[in-house]
Protein backbone atom coordinates (compact mmCIF):
# COMPACT_ATOMS: atom_id res chain seq x y z
CA MET A 1 70.59 164.38 113.18
CA ASN A 2 70.08 167.23 110.79
CA ASN A 3 70.31 167.14 107.03
CA ARG A 4 73.93 168.42 107.03
CA ASP A 5 75.13 165.58 109.34
CA THR A 6 73.26 163.03 107.20
CA ILE A 7 74.71 164.26 103.92
CA LEU A 8 78.22 164.30 105.67
CA ARG A 9 77.79 160.60 106.83
CA LEU A 10 76.47 159.59 103.29
CA ASN A 11 79.43 161.42 101.68
CA ALA A 12 81.93 159.60 104.04
CA ASN A 13 80.36 156.35 103.22
CA LEU A 14 80.88 156.94 99.46
CA LYS A 15 84.44 158.16 100.23
CA TYR A 16 85.05 154.99 102.28
CA ILE A 17 83.74 152.79 99.36
CA GLU A 18 86.10 154.70 96.73
CA TYR A 19 88.97 154.35 99.16
CA LEU A 20 88.49 150.62 99.64
CA LEU A 21 88.20 150.12 95.84
CA ASN A 22 91.34 152.14 95.16
CA ALA A 23 93.18 150.10 97.99
CA PHE A 24 92.11 146.72 96.58
CA ASP A 25 93.50 148.13 93.23
CA ASN A 26 96.75 149.74 94.38
CA GLU A 27 97.80 148.50 97.80
CA ASN A 28 100.07 145.33 98.05
CA GLY A 29 98.34 142.01 98.83
CA LYS A 30 99.52 141.93 102.56
CA VAL A 31 97.63 144.92 103.91
CA SER A 32 94.67 143.72 105.86
CA LEU A 33 91.14 145.30 105.94
CA GLU A 34 91.85 146.36 109.52
CA GLU A 35 94.92 148.44 108.44
CA LEU A 36 92.69 149.96 105.64
CA ARG A 37 90.14 151.00 107.89
CA LYS A 38 92.55 152.43 110.37
CA LYS A 39 94.32 154.49 107.67
CA PHE A 40 91.03 155.76 106.33
CA LYS A 41 89.81 156.68 109.77
CA ASN A 42 93.12 158.63 110.55
CA HIS A 43 93.24 160.25 107.14
CA PHE A 44 89.62 161.48 107.41
CA LYS A 45 89.55 161.99 111.08
CA LEU A 46 86.29 159.95 111.58
CA ASN A 47 84.75 159.33 114.94
CA TYR A 48 81.75 157.41 114.00
CA PRO A 49 81.06 154.06 112.45
CA LEU A 50 80.92 153.81 108.52
CA LEU A 51 78.73 151.36 106.67
CA ASN A 52 75.94 151.35 109.20
CA GLN A 53 72.34 151.71 108.10
CA TYR A 54 73.17 154.91 106.30
CA PHE A 55 75.10 152.97 103.81
CA GLY A 56 71.77 151.48 102.85
CA ILE A 57 70.72 154.58 100.99
CA VAL A 58 73.72 154.16 98.58
CA ARG A 59 72.31 150.67 97.70
CA LEU A 60 69.25 152.54 96.06
CA ILE A 61 71.35 153.76 93.01
CA PRO A 62 70.91 150.58 91.14
CA LEU A 63 67.19 150.61 92.04
CA LEU A 64 66.73 154.03 90.63
CA LEU A 65 68.44 152.85 87.38
CA ILE A 66 66.08 149.63 87.39
CA LYS A 67 63.10 152.05 87.74
CA GLU A 68 64.15 153.86 84.45
CA VAL A 69 64.42 150.68 82.56
CA TYR A 70 60.86 149.47 83.74
CA LYS A 71 59.56 153.03 82.75
CA ASN A 72 60.97 152.56 79.19
CA GLN A 73 59.52 149.22 79.02
CA ASN A 74 56.17 150.67 79.98
CA LYS A 75 55.76 148.30 82.88
CA GLN A 76 52.65 148.44 84.90
CA LEU A 77 52.88 150.58 87.95
CA GLU A 78 51.96 148.15 90.58
CA GLY A 79 53.56 146.03 93.38
CA ASP A 80 57.32 146.23 93.59
CA ILE A 81 57.49 148.51 90.57
CA GLU A 82 55.24 150.95 92.27
CA LYS A 83 57.31 150.60 95.34
CA ILE A 84 60.47 151.47 93.25
CA LYS A 85 58.70 154.54 91.79
CA ILE A 86 57.66 155.89 95.43
CA ILE A 87 61.40 155.36 96.48
CA ARG A 88 62.73 157.17 93.31
CA ASP A 89 60.41 160.05 93.50
CA SER A 90 60.98 160.34 97.34
CA LEU A 91 64.73 160.64 96.84
CA ALA A 92 64.51 163.00 93.69
CA HIS A 93 62.35 165.21 95.94
CA ASN A 94 64.23 164.90 99.07
CA ASN A 95 61.14 163.61 100.73
CA PHE A 96 62.44 160.62 102.91
CA ILE A 97 63.29 159.95 106.54
CA ILE A 98 66.13 157.66 107.89
CA ASN A 99 65.69 156.95 111.55
CA GLU A 100 67.10 154.32 113.93
CA ASN A 101 64.32 151.79 112.95
CA GLU A 102 63.48 152.35 109.19
CA PHE A 103 63.28 154.28 105.98
CA ILE A 104 60.17 156.20 105.31
CA PHE A 105 59.78 157.22 101.70
CA SER A 106 57.02 159.47 100.29
CA ASP A 107 56.10 160.61 96.83
CA ASN A 108 53.45 163.06 98.21
CA LYS A 109 50.62 160.70 97.16
CA LYS A 110 51.80 157.37 98.98
CA SER A 111 54.26 156.51 101.68
CA LEU A 112 56.34 153.49 102.02
CA LYS A 113 58.02 152.38 105.49
CA MET A 114 60.67 149.84 105.48
CA THR A 115 62.69 148.50 108.40
CA TYR A 116 66.38 147.96 107.53
CA ASN A 117 65.82 144.16 107.37
CA ASP A 118 62.80 144.72 105.02
CA PHE A 119 64.88 147.11 102.92
CA GLN A 120 67.70 144.37 102.38
CA ILE A 121 65.10 141.78 101.53
CA PHE A 122 63.39 144.10 99.07
CA LEU A 123 66.51 145.01 97.25
CA HIS A 124 67.66 141.53 97.02
CA LYS A 125 64.30 140.51 95.49
CA ILE A 126 64.32 143.43 93.03
CA GLU A 127 67.80 142.78 91.87
CA ASN A 128 67.29 139.10 91.51
CA ASP A 129 64.08 139.68 89.52
CA PHE A 130 65.78 142.21 87.38
CA TYR A 131 68.93 140.37 86.60
CA ILE A 132 67.37 136.87 85.94
């Protein structure tokens, strides 16, 4: 998959999230998720599944903000905080790979590989540590 296709899929996922949030706010309470999904697919003429592993990259937005908070608090750059920085720098410099098995992030000094399962576990841990 080329960069253009990846960006289009990510954009479609964002549009889907926006569409669902808007529907939850504005549709009547009798519309099912299945009906919303069909309306969305028909409206945007999509032929591939949404909210698959590519959705995971959207989950990084809070992580990028957490990184900035840690930076402002002068936290030591080690362990999970170092991983967050690698991910942030990788995204900022478009130096990451998403394939069928994993994410690969690189900040030109270090690389970080995460399977989709490891990625979810990592995000859950970081968010819990940050918000508690």
